[in-house]
C-alpha atoms as a PDB file:
ATOM      1  CA  MET A   1     -12.428  -7.901  17.077  1.00  0.00           C
ATOM      2  CA  GLU A   2     -14.570  -5.572  19.091  1.00  0.00           C
ATOM      3  CA  ARG A   3     -11.955  -2.770  18.921  1.00  0.00           C
ATOM      4  CA  LEU A   4     -11.663  -3.239  15.185  1.00  0.00           C
ATOM      5  CA  ASN A   5     -15.404  -2.990  14.665  1.00  0.00           C
ATOM      6  CA  ILE A   6     -15.516   0.241  16.736  1.00  0.00           C
ATOM      7  CA  ILE A   7     -12.721   1.786  14.686  1.00  0.00           C
ATOM      8  CA  LEU A   8     -14.381   0.759  11.451  1.00  0.00           C
ATOM      9  CA  SER A   9     -17.658   2.459  12.540  1.00  0.00           C
ATOM     10  CA  GLU A  10     -15.764   5.625  13.457  1.00  0.00           C
ATOM     11  CA  THR A  11     -13.921   5.473  10.086  1.00  0.00           C
ATOM     12  CA  ASP A  12     -17.250   5.244   8.247  1.00  0.00           C
ATOM     13  CA  VAL A  13     -18.569   8.370  10.059  1.00  0.00           C
ATOM     14  CA  LEU A  14     -15.494  10.336   8.896  1.00  0.00           C
ATOM     15  CA  LYS A  15     -15.898   8.895   5.352  1.00  0.00           C
ATOM     16  CA  ALA A  16     -19.534   9.979   5.276  1.00  0.00           C
ATOM     17  CA  LYS A  17     -18.601  13.446   6.406  1.00  0.00           C
ATOM     18  CA  LEU A  18     -15.987  13.646   3.604  1.00  0.00           C
ATOM     19  CA  ALA A  19     -18.635  12.626   1.133  1.00  0.00           C
ATOM     20  CA  THR A  20     -20.779  15.583   2.006  1.00  0.00           C
ATOM     21  CA  LEU A  21     -17.922  17.888   1.026  1.00  0.00           C
ATOM     22  CA  ARG A  22     -17.650  16.417  -2.444  1.00  0.00           C
ATOM     23  CA  PRO A  23     -17.105  17.631  -5.118  1.00  0.00           C
ATOM     24  CA  LEU A  24     -14.085  19.333  -3.642  1.00  0.00           C
ATOM     25  CA  PRO A  25     -12.332  22.415  -5.126  1.00  0.00           C
ATOM     26  CA  ILE A  26     -10.113  20.993  -7.829  1.00  0.00           C
ATOM     27  CA  GLU A  27      -7.105  23.236  -7.469  1.00  0.00           C
ATOM     28  CA  ALA A  28      -6.993  23.049  -3.608  1.00  0.00           C
ATOM     29  CA  ILE A  29      -7.332  19.294  -3.711  1.00  0.00           C
ATOM     30  CA  LYS A  30      -4.573  18.895  -6.239  1.00  0.00           C
ATOM     31  CA  LYS A  31      -2.120  20.641  -3.911  1.00  0.00           C
ATOM     32  CA  ILE A  32      -3.244  18.757  -0.877  1.00  0.00           C
ATOM     33  CA  GLN A  33      -3.170  15.424  -2.595  1.00  0.00           C
ATOM     34  CA  SER A  34       0.291  16.179  -4.105  1.00  0.00           C
ATOM     35  CA  ALA A  35       1.681  16.887  -0.631  1.00  0.00           C
ATOM     36  CA  LEU A  36       0.069  13.767   0.880  1.00  0.00           C
ATOM     37  CA  GLU A  37       1.293  11.559  -2.042  1.00  0.00           C
ATOM     38  CA  ILE A  38       4.881  12.705  -1.581  1.00  0.00           C
ATOM     39  CA  GLU A  39       4.496  11.853   2.086  1.00  0.00           C
ATOM     40  CA  TYR A  40       3.179   8.391   1.244  1.00  0.00           C
ATOM     41  CA  THR A  41       6.047   7.812  -1.174  1.00  0.00           C
ATOM     42  CA  TYR A  42       8.572   8.897   1.446  1.00  0.00           C
ATOM     43  CA  GLU A  43       7.025   6.721   4.192  1.00  0.00           C
ATOM     44  CA  SER A  44       6.560   3.627   2.039  1.00  0.00           C
ATOM     45  CA  ASN A  45      10.154   3.742   0.709  1.00  0.00           C
ATOM     46  CA  ARG A  46      11.377   4.556   4.213  1.00  0.00           C
ATOM     47  CA  ILE A  47       9.951   1.252   5.473  1.00  0.00           C
ATOM     48  CA  GLU A  48      12.061  -0.463   2.911  1.00  0.00           C
ATOM     49  CA  GLY A  49      15.246   1.322   3.891  1.00  0.00           C
ATOM     50  CA  ASN A  50      15.303   4.275   1.439  1.00  0.00           C
ATOM     51  CA  THR A  51      17.291   7.079   3.050  1.00  0.00           C
ATOM     52  CA  LEU A  52      15.869  10.034   1.116  1.00  0.00           C
ATOM     53  CA  THR A  53      14.294  12.614   3.495  1.00  0.00           C
ATOM     54  CA  LEU A  54      10.763  13.905   2.954  1.00  0.00           C
ATOM     55  CA  GLN A  55      12.106  17.093   1.411  1.00  0.00           C
ATOM     56  CA  GLU A  56      14.562  15.217  -0.770  1.00  0.00           C
ATOM     57  CA  THR A  57      11.760  12.935  -1.929  1.00  0.00           C
ATOM     58  CA  ALA A  58       9.791  16.039  -2.990  1.00  0.00           C
ATOM     59  CA  LEU A  59      12.711  17.529  -4.843  1.00  0.00           C
ATOM     60  CA  VAL A  60      13.452  14.202  -6.709  1.00  0.00           C
ATOM     61  CA  VAL A  61       9.757  13.644  -7.705  1.00  0.00           C
ATOM     62  CA  ASN A  62       8.629  17.201  -8.337  1.00  0.00           C
ATOM     63  CA  GLU A  63      11.757  18.939  -9.523  1.00  0.00           C
ATOM     64  CA  GLY A  64      13.859  16.130 -10.952  1.00  0.00           C
ATOM     65  CA  VAL A  65      16.696  17.098  -8.619  1.00  0.00           C
ATOM     66  CA  THR A  66      19.615  14.689  -8.087  1.00  0.00           C
ATOM     67  CA  ILE A  67      20.464  14.405  -4.396  1.00  0.00           C
ATOM     68  CA  SER A  68      24.245  14.245  -3.673  1.00  0.00           C
ATOM     69  CA  GLY A  69      25.299  11.163  -1.761  1.00  0.00           C
ATOM     70  CA  LYS A  70      22.114   9.185  -2.510  1.00  0.00           C
ATOM     71  CA  SER A  71      22.124   6.196  -4.801  1.00  0.00           C
ATOM     72  CA  MET A  72      20.514   6.054  -8.275  1.00  0.00           C
ATOM     73  CA  ARG A  73      18.272   3.241  -6.877  1.00  0.00           C
ATOM     74  CA  GLU A  74      16.901   5.491  -4.159  1.00  0.00           C
ATOM     75  CA  HIS A  75      16.126   8.141  -6.729  1.00  0.00           C
ATOM     76  CA  LEU A  76      14.300   5.638  -8.922  1.00  0.00           C
ATOM     77  CA  GLU A  77      12.397   4.228  -5.987  1.00  0.00           C
ATOM     78  CA  ALA A  78      10.933   7.699  -5.317  1.00  0.00           C
ATOM     79  CA  ILE A  79      10.152   8.393  -8.969  1.00  0.00           C
ATOM     80  CA  ASN A  80       8.668   4.976  -9.585  1.00  0.00           C
ATOM     81  CA  HIS A  81       6.492   5.015  -6.495  1.00  0.00           C
ATOM     82  CA  ALA A  82       5.090   8.421  -7.425  1.00  0.00           C
ATOM     83  CA  GLU A  83       4.305   7.055 -10.881  1.00  0.00           C
ATOM     84  CA  ALA A  84       2.607   3.965  -9.229  1.00  0.00           C
ATOM     85  CA  ILE A  85       0.424   6.241  -7.164  1.00  0.00           C
ATOM     86  CA  SER A  86      -0.787   8.046 -10.369  1.00  0.00           C
ATOM     87  CA  PHE A  87      -1.416   4.650 -11.906  1.00  0.00           C
ATOM     88  CA  ILE A  88      -3.539   3.323  -8.997  1.00  0.00           C
ATOM     89  CA  LYS A  89      -5.563   6.590  -8.907  1.00  0.00           C
ATOM     90  CA  ASP A  90      -6.428   6.154 -12.565  1.00  0.00           C
ATOM     91  CA  ILE A  91      -7.364   2.491 -12.015  1.00  0.00           C
ATOM     92  CA  ALA A  92      -9.473   3.342  -8.976  1.00  0.00           C
ATOM     93  CA  LYS A  93     -11.500   5.940 -10.968  1.00  0.00           C
ATOM     94  CA  ALA A  94     -11.969   3.446 -13.811  1.00  0.00           C
ATOM     95  CA  ASP A  95     -13.218   0.804 -11.431  1.00  0.00           C
ATOM     96  CA  ILE A  96     -11.013  -1.825 -13.105  1.00  0.00           C
ATOM     97  CA  GLU A  97     -11.104  -5.392 -11.649  1.00  0.00           C
ATOM     98  CA  ILE A  98      -8.236  -6.323  -9.325  1.00  0.00           C
ATOM     99  CA  ASN A  99      -6.517  -9.435 -10.700  1.00  0.00           C
ATOM    100  CA  GLU A 100      -3.034 -10.941 -11.155  1.00  0.00           C
ATOM    101  CA  ARG A 101      -2.327  -8.883 -14.280  1.00  0.00           C
ATOM    102  CA  LEU A 102      -3.072  -5.626 -12.488  1.00  0.00           C
ATOM    103  CA  ILE A 103      -0.821  -6.604  -9.531  1.00  0.00           C
ATOM    104  CA  LYS A 104       2.022  -7.389 -11.965  1.00  0.00           C
ATOM    105  CA  GLU A 105       1.481  -4.030 -13.612  1.00  0.00           C
ATOM    106  CA  ILE A 106       1.897  -2.183 -10.307  1.00  0.00           C
ATOM    107  CA  HIS A 107       5.025  -4.220  -9.503  1.00  0.00           C
ATOM    108  CA  ALA A 108       6.482  -3.455 -12.962  1.00  0.00           C
ATOM    109  CA  ILE A 109       6.172   0.279 -12.249  1.00  0.00           C
ATOM    110  CA  ILE A 110       7.878  -0.187  -8.830  1.00  0.00           C
ATOM    111  CA  LEU A 111      10.973  -1.910 -10.326  1.00  0.00           C
ATOM    112  CA  HIS A 112      11.060   0.044 -13.603  1.00  0.00           C
ATOM    113  CA  SER A 113      14.750   0.674 -14.516  1.00  0.00           C
ATOM    114  CA  ILE A 114      15.752  -0.912 -11.237  1.00  0.00           C
ATOM    115  CA  ASP A 115      15.431  -4.590 -12.100  1.00  0.00           C
ATOM    116  CA  ARG A 116      14.265  -5.089 -15.691  1.00  0.00           C
ATOM    117  CA  ASP A 117      14.616  -8.888 -15.456  1.00  0.00           C
ATOM    118  CA  ASN A 118      12.181  -9.218 -12.614  1.00  0.00           C
ATOM    119  CA  ALA A 119       9.824  -6.244 -12.988  1.00  0.00           C
ATOM    120  CA  GLY A 120       6.202  -7.484 -13.240  1.00  0.00           C
ATOM    121  CA  LYS A 121       7.244 -11.156 -13.047  1.00  0.00           C
ATOM    122  CA  TYR A 122       6.799 -13.738 -10.302  1.00  0.00           C
ATOM    123  CA  ARG A 123       9.999 -14.937  -8.714  1.00  0.00           C
ATOM    124  CA  ASN A 124      11.520 -18.241  -9.810  1.00  0.00           C
ATOM    125  CA  VAL A 125      13.732 -18.720  -6.724  1.00  0.00           C
ATOM    126  CA  PRO A 126      12.949 -19.439  -3.098  1.00  0.00           C
ATOM    127  CA  VAL A 127      13.295 -16.513  -0.653  1.00  0.00           C
ATOM    128  CA  MET A 128      13.545 -15.918   3.090  1.00  0.00           C
ATOM    129  CA  ILE A 129      12.321 -12.750   4.838  1.00  0.00           C
ATOM    130  CA  SER A 130      14.968 -11.317   7.181  1.00  0.00           C
ATOM    131  CA  GLY A 131      13.849 -11.302  10.816  1.00  0.00           C
ATOM    132  CA  SER A 132      10.749 -13.373  10.125  1.00  0.00           C
ATOM    133  CA  GLN A 133       9.821 -17.006  10.955  1.00  0.00           C
ATOM    134  CA  HIS A 134       7.401 -17.010   8.032  1.00  0.00           C
ATOM    135  CA  MET A 135       8.618 -18.932   5.035  1.00  0.00           C
ATOM    136  CA  PRO A 136       7.054 -17.711   1.704  1.00  0.00           C
ATOM    137  CA  PRO A 137       5.986 -20.469  -0.628  1.00  0.00           C
ATOM    138  CA  GLN A 138       8.318 -22.122  -3.064  1.00  0.00           C
ATOM    139  CA  PRO A 139       8.284 -20.704  -6.602  1.00  0.00           C
ATOM    140  CA  TYR A 140       6.260 -23.556  -8.041  1.00  0.00           C
ATOM    141  CA  LEU A 141       3.418 -22.782  -5.580  1.00  0.00           C
ATOM    142  CA  ILE A 142       3.112 -19.098  -6.329  1.00  0.00           C
ATOM    143  CA  GLU A 143       0.728 -19.370  -9.348  1.00  0.00           C
ATOM    144  CA  SER A 144      -1.769 -21.478  -7.414  1.00  0.00           C
ATOM    145  CA  GLN A 145      -1.609 -19.418  -4.296  1.00  0.00           C
ATOM    146  CA  MET A 146      -2.059 -16.184  -6.220  1.00  0.00           C
ATOM    147  CA  GLU A 147      -5.086 -17.687  -7.935  1.00  0.00           C
ATOM    148  CA  ALA A 148      -6.508 -18.723  -4.587  1.00  0.00           C
ATOM    149  CA  PHE A 149      -5.788 -15.193  -3.263  1.00  0.00           C
ATOM    150  CA  ILE A 150      -7.820 -13.521  -5.970  1.00  0.00           C
ATOM    151  CA  ILE A 151     -10.689 -16.045  -5.435  1.00  0.00           C
ATOM    152  CA  GLU A 152     -10.766 -15.258  -1.744  1.00  0.00           C
ATOM    153  CA  TYR A 153     -10.602 -11.543  -2.406  1.00  0.00           C
ATOM    154  CA  ASN A 154     -13.676 -11.733  -4.696  1.00  0.00           C
ATOM    155  CA  LYS A 155     -15.524 -13.840  -2.133  1.00  0.00           C
ATOM    156  CA  LYS A 156     -14.936 -11.105   0.502  1.00  0.00           C
ATOM    157  CA  VAL A 157     -16.307  -8.542  -1.859  1.00  0.00           C
ATOM    158  CA  THR A 158     -19.385 -10.736  -2.549  1.00  0.00           C
ATOM    159  CA  ASP A 159     -19.860 -11.284   1.195  1.00  0.00           C
ATOM    160  CA  ASN A 160     -19.829  -7.547   1.765  1.00  0.00           C
ATOM    161  CA  VAL A 161     -16.846  -7.592   4.089  1.00  0.00           C
ATOM    162  CA  HIS A 162     -15.913  -4.027   5.220  1.00  0.00           C
ATOM    163  CA  PRO A 163     -13.817  -2.293   2.534  1.00  0.00           C
ATOM    164  CA  VAL A 164     -11.049  -1.386   4.981  1.00  0.00           C
ATOM    165  CA  VAL A 165     -10.805  -5.056   6.009  1.00  0.00           C
ATOM    166  CA  ILE A 166     -10.696  -6.092   2.413  1.00  0.00           C
ATOM    167  CA  ALA A 167      -7.939  -3.607   1.678  1.00  0.00           C
ATOM    168  CA  ALA A 168      -5.938  -4.865   4.704  1.00  0.00           C
ATOM    169  CA  TYR A 169      -6.462  -8.453   3.478  1.00  0.00           C
ATOM    170  CA  LEU A 170      -5.128  -7.575   0.041  1.00  0.00           C
ATOM    171  CA  HIS A 171      -1.926  -6.213   1.613  1.00  0.00           C
ATOM    172  CA  ASP A 172      -1.589  -8.932   4.196  1.00  0.00           C
ATOM    173  CA  GLU A 173      -2.058 -11.899   1.863  1.00  0.00           C
ATOM    174  CA  LEU A 174       0.046 -10.548  -0.978  1.00  0.00           C
ATOM    175  CA  VAL A 175       3.052  -9.936   1.212  1.00  0.00           C
ATOM    176  CA  LYS A 176       2.537 -13.286   2.766  1.00  0.00           C
ATOM    177  CA  ILE A 177       2.778 -15.029  -0.637  1.00  0.00           C
ATOM    178  CA  HIS A 178       5.778 -12.751  -1.427  1.00  0.00           C
ATOM    179  CA  PRO A 179       5.374 -13.508  -5.183  1.00  0.00           C
ATOM    180  CA  PHE A 180       8.155 -11.109  -6.332  1.00  0.00           C
ATOM    181  CA  ILE A 181      11.851 -11.193  -5.738  1.00  0.00           C
ATOM    182  CA  ASP A 182      11.731  -7.535  -4.616  1.00  0.00           C
ATOM    183  CA  GLY A 183       9.192  -4.804  -4.095  1.00  0.00           C
ATOM    184  CA  ASN A 184       6.549  -6.901  -2.348  1.00  0.00           C
ATOM    185  CA  GLY A 185       5.932  -4.446   0.445  1.00  0.00           C
ATOM    186  CA  ARG A 186       5.487  -1.446  -1.788  1.00  0.00           C
ATOM    187  CA  THR A 187       3.271  -3.392  -4.219  1.00  0.00           C
ATOM    188  CA  SER A 188       1.138  -4.611  -1.286  1.00  0.00           C
ATOM    189  CA  ARG A 189       0.667  -1.172   0.119  1.00  0.00           C
ATOM    190  CA  LEU A 190      -0.239   0.252  -3.274  1.00  0.00           C
ATOM    191  CA  LEU A 191      -2.709  -2.634  -3.815  1.00  0.00           C
ATOM    192  CA  MET A 192      -4.312  -1.848  -0.461  1.00  0.00           C
ATOM    193  CA  ASN A 193      -4.643   1.889  -1.268  1.00  0.00           C
ATOM    194  CA  LEU A 194      -5.957   1.139  -4.751  1.00  0.00           C
ATOM    195  CA  TYR A 195      -8.944  -0.671  -3.149  1.00  0.00           C
ATOM    196  CA  LEU A 196      -9.465   2.062  -0.559  1.00  0.00           C
ATOM    197  CA  LEU A 197      -9.514   4.768  -3.224  1.00  0.00           C
ATOM    198  CA  SER A 198     -11.942   2.766  -5.350  1.00  0.00           C
ATOM    199  CA  LYS A 199     -14.352   2.720  -2.395  1.00  0.00           C
ATOM    200  CA  GLY A 200     -14.146   6.382  -1.589  1.00  0.00           C
ATOM    201  CA  TYR A 201     -11.577   6.249   1.216  1.00  0.00           C
ATOM    202  CA  VAL A 202      -8.258   8.103   1.362  1.00  0.00           C
ATOM    203  CA  VAL A 203      -4.763   6.821   1.004  1.00  0.00           C
ATOM    204  CA  VAL A 204      -3.252   5.115   4.128  1.00  0.00           C
ATOM    205  CA  SER A 205       0.355   6.147   4.621  1.00  0.00           C
ATOM    206  CA  LEU A 206       1.877   3.580   7.063  1.00  0.00           C
ATOM    207  CA  LYS A 207       4.818   5.293   8.847  1.00  0.00           C
ATOM    208  CA  GLY A 208       8.434   4.267   8.432  1.00  0.00           C
ATOM    209  CA  ASP A 209       9.806   5.443  11.744  1.00  0.00           C
ATOM    210  CA  ASN A 210      11.300   2.733  14.013  1.00  0.00           C
ATOM    211  CA  ASP A 211       8.342   2.343  16.394  1.00  0.00           C
ATOM    212  CA  SER A 212       5.697   2.329  13.615  1.00  0.00           C
ATOM    213  CA  LYS A 213       7.701  -0.044  11.480  1.00  0.00           C
ATOM    214  CA  ARG A 214       8.139  -2.420  14.383  1.00  0.00           C
ATOM    215  CA  ALA A 215       4.416  -2.472  15.049  1.00  0.00           C
ATOM    216  CA  TYR A 216       3.720  -2.988  11.386  1.00  0.00           C
ATOM    217  CA  TYR A 217       6.099  -5.930  11.036  1.00  0.00           C
ATOM    218  CA  MET A 218       4.912  -7.529  14.260  1.00  0.00           C
ATOM    219  CA  ALA A 219       1.258  -7.365  13.130  1.00  0.00           C
ATOM    220  CA  LEU A 220       2.173  -9.037   9.772  1.00  0.00           C
ATOM    221  CA  GLU A 221       4.358 -11.589  11.573  1.00  0.00           C
ATOM    222  CA  LYS A 222       1.443 -12.572  13.862  1.00  0.00           C
ATOM    223  CA  SER A 223      -0.857 -12.911  10.841  1.00  0.00           C
ATOM    224  CA  HIS A 224       1.570 -14.977   8.830  1.00  0.00           C
ATOM    225  CA  THR A 225       2.831 -17.322  11.613  1.00  0.00           C
ATOM    226  CA  GLU A 226      -0.243 -17.608  13.825  1.00  0.00           C
ATOM    227  CA  ASN A 227      -2.964 -17.105  11.207  1.00  0.00           C
ATOM    228  CA  ASP A 228      -4.354 -14.231  13.248  1.00  0.00           C
ATOM    229  CA  PRO A 229      -4.694 -11.051  11.112  1.00  0.00           C
ATOM    230  CA  ILE A 230      -6.748  -8.976  13.506  1.00  0.00           C
ATOM    231  CA  ASP A 231      -3.847  -6.877  14.766  1.00  0.00           C
ATOM    232  CA  PHE A 232      -2.889  -6.000  11.222  1.00  0.00           C
ATOM    233  CA  TYR A 233      -6.481  -5.290  10.132  1.00  0.00           C
ATOM    234  CA  THR A 234      -6.802  -3.021  13.241  1.00  0.00           C
ATOM    235  CA  LEU A 235      -3.475  -1.203  12.448  1.00  0.00           C
ATOM    236  CA  VAL A 236      -4.753  -0.485   8.917  1.00  0.00           C
ATOM    237  CA  ALA A 237      -8.128   0.645  10.252  1.00  0.00           C
ATOM    238  CA  VAL A 238      -6.555   2.984  12.760  1.00  0.00           C
ATOM    239  CA  ASN A 239      -4.332   4.513  10.094  1.00  0.00           C
ATOM    240  CA  GLU A 240      -7.258   4.963   7.714  1.00  0.00           C
ATOM    241  CA  LYS A 241      -9.289   6.708  10.456  1.00  0.00           C
ATOM    242  CA  GLU A 242      -6.371   8.975  11.215  1.00  0.00           C
ATOM    243  CA  ALA A 243      -5.886   9.711   7.492  1.00  0.00           C
ATOM    244  CA  LEU A 244      -9.486  10.666   6.982  1.00  0.00           C
ATOM    245  CA  ALA A 245      -9.486  12.870  10.174  1.00  0.00           C
ATOM    246  CA  ARG A 246      -6.364  14.623   8.911  1.00  0.00           C
ATOM    247  CA  TYR A 247      -7.801  15.118   5.453  1.00  0.00           C
ATOM    248  CA  LEU A 248     -10.961  16.684   6.901  1.00  0.00           C
ATOM    249  CA  ASN A 249      -8.896  18.849   9.225  1.00  0.00           C
ATOM    250  CA  ILE A 250      -6.828  20.135   6.288  1.00  0.00           C
ATOM    251  CA  LEU A 251     -10.039  20.945   4.375  1.00  0.00           C
ATOM    252  CA  GLY A 252     -11.192  22.917   7.416  1.00  0.00           C
END
């Protein structure tokens, strides 16, 4: 917990430094954000097994290029994720309340044209998570657990819990409930970043390389099976700190 608090303090120093630079040059920021958002789309999809490279992801999203040898689903995952980023940015600016309807809207974008039957809808079948000892709740429990999830989120806001911790909680708890048949990870990471953006932080792009992915899943597993989320909260805080430092470095 001590390490987490130190990282959160360092993160807030960087956030305050970024705030002194605002308003930022619009054209320059657009280019920087576009590149970072492509990277985020690439890494988030990579975690889930998408094989598009960073350059291929950029070509698919920005140029509408079809990549030979890659599936239509992989193309749609890139396009949909980029669209979902635009959506959460708009929501963050509008300061719209986070609730179940909003979460379903994010999920609907993620699975658009991929799984029309399940996009934006809670699952009605039991699921298991490959490689995990955690068992997500049965379908008939999802509604009540999602309701409790939103209540707890609002309590943390009222109690002035650190925004980065709240963002990490949103990700951690949503993926624990696993309310959708597919797309839970991407939706959880987008929800986390929606909250960070709404509080003046920058997007956290959790990496999809083998070592980073292993650390990510291990932290989630510890939270879900041992009821100990500190490692996951710390992982998110470290990545937010690094994202802020990188953003400031790019701005010079």
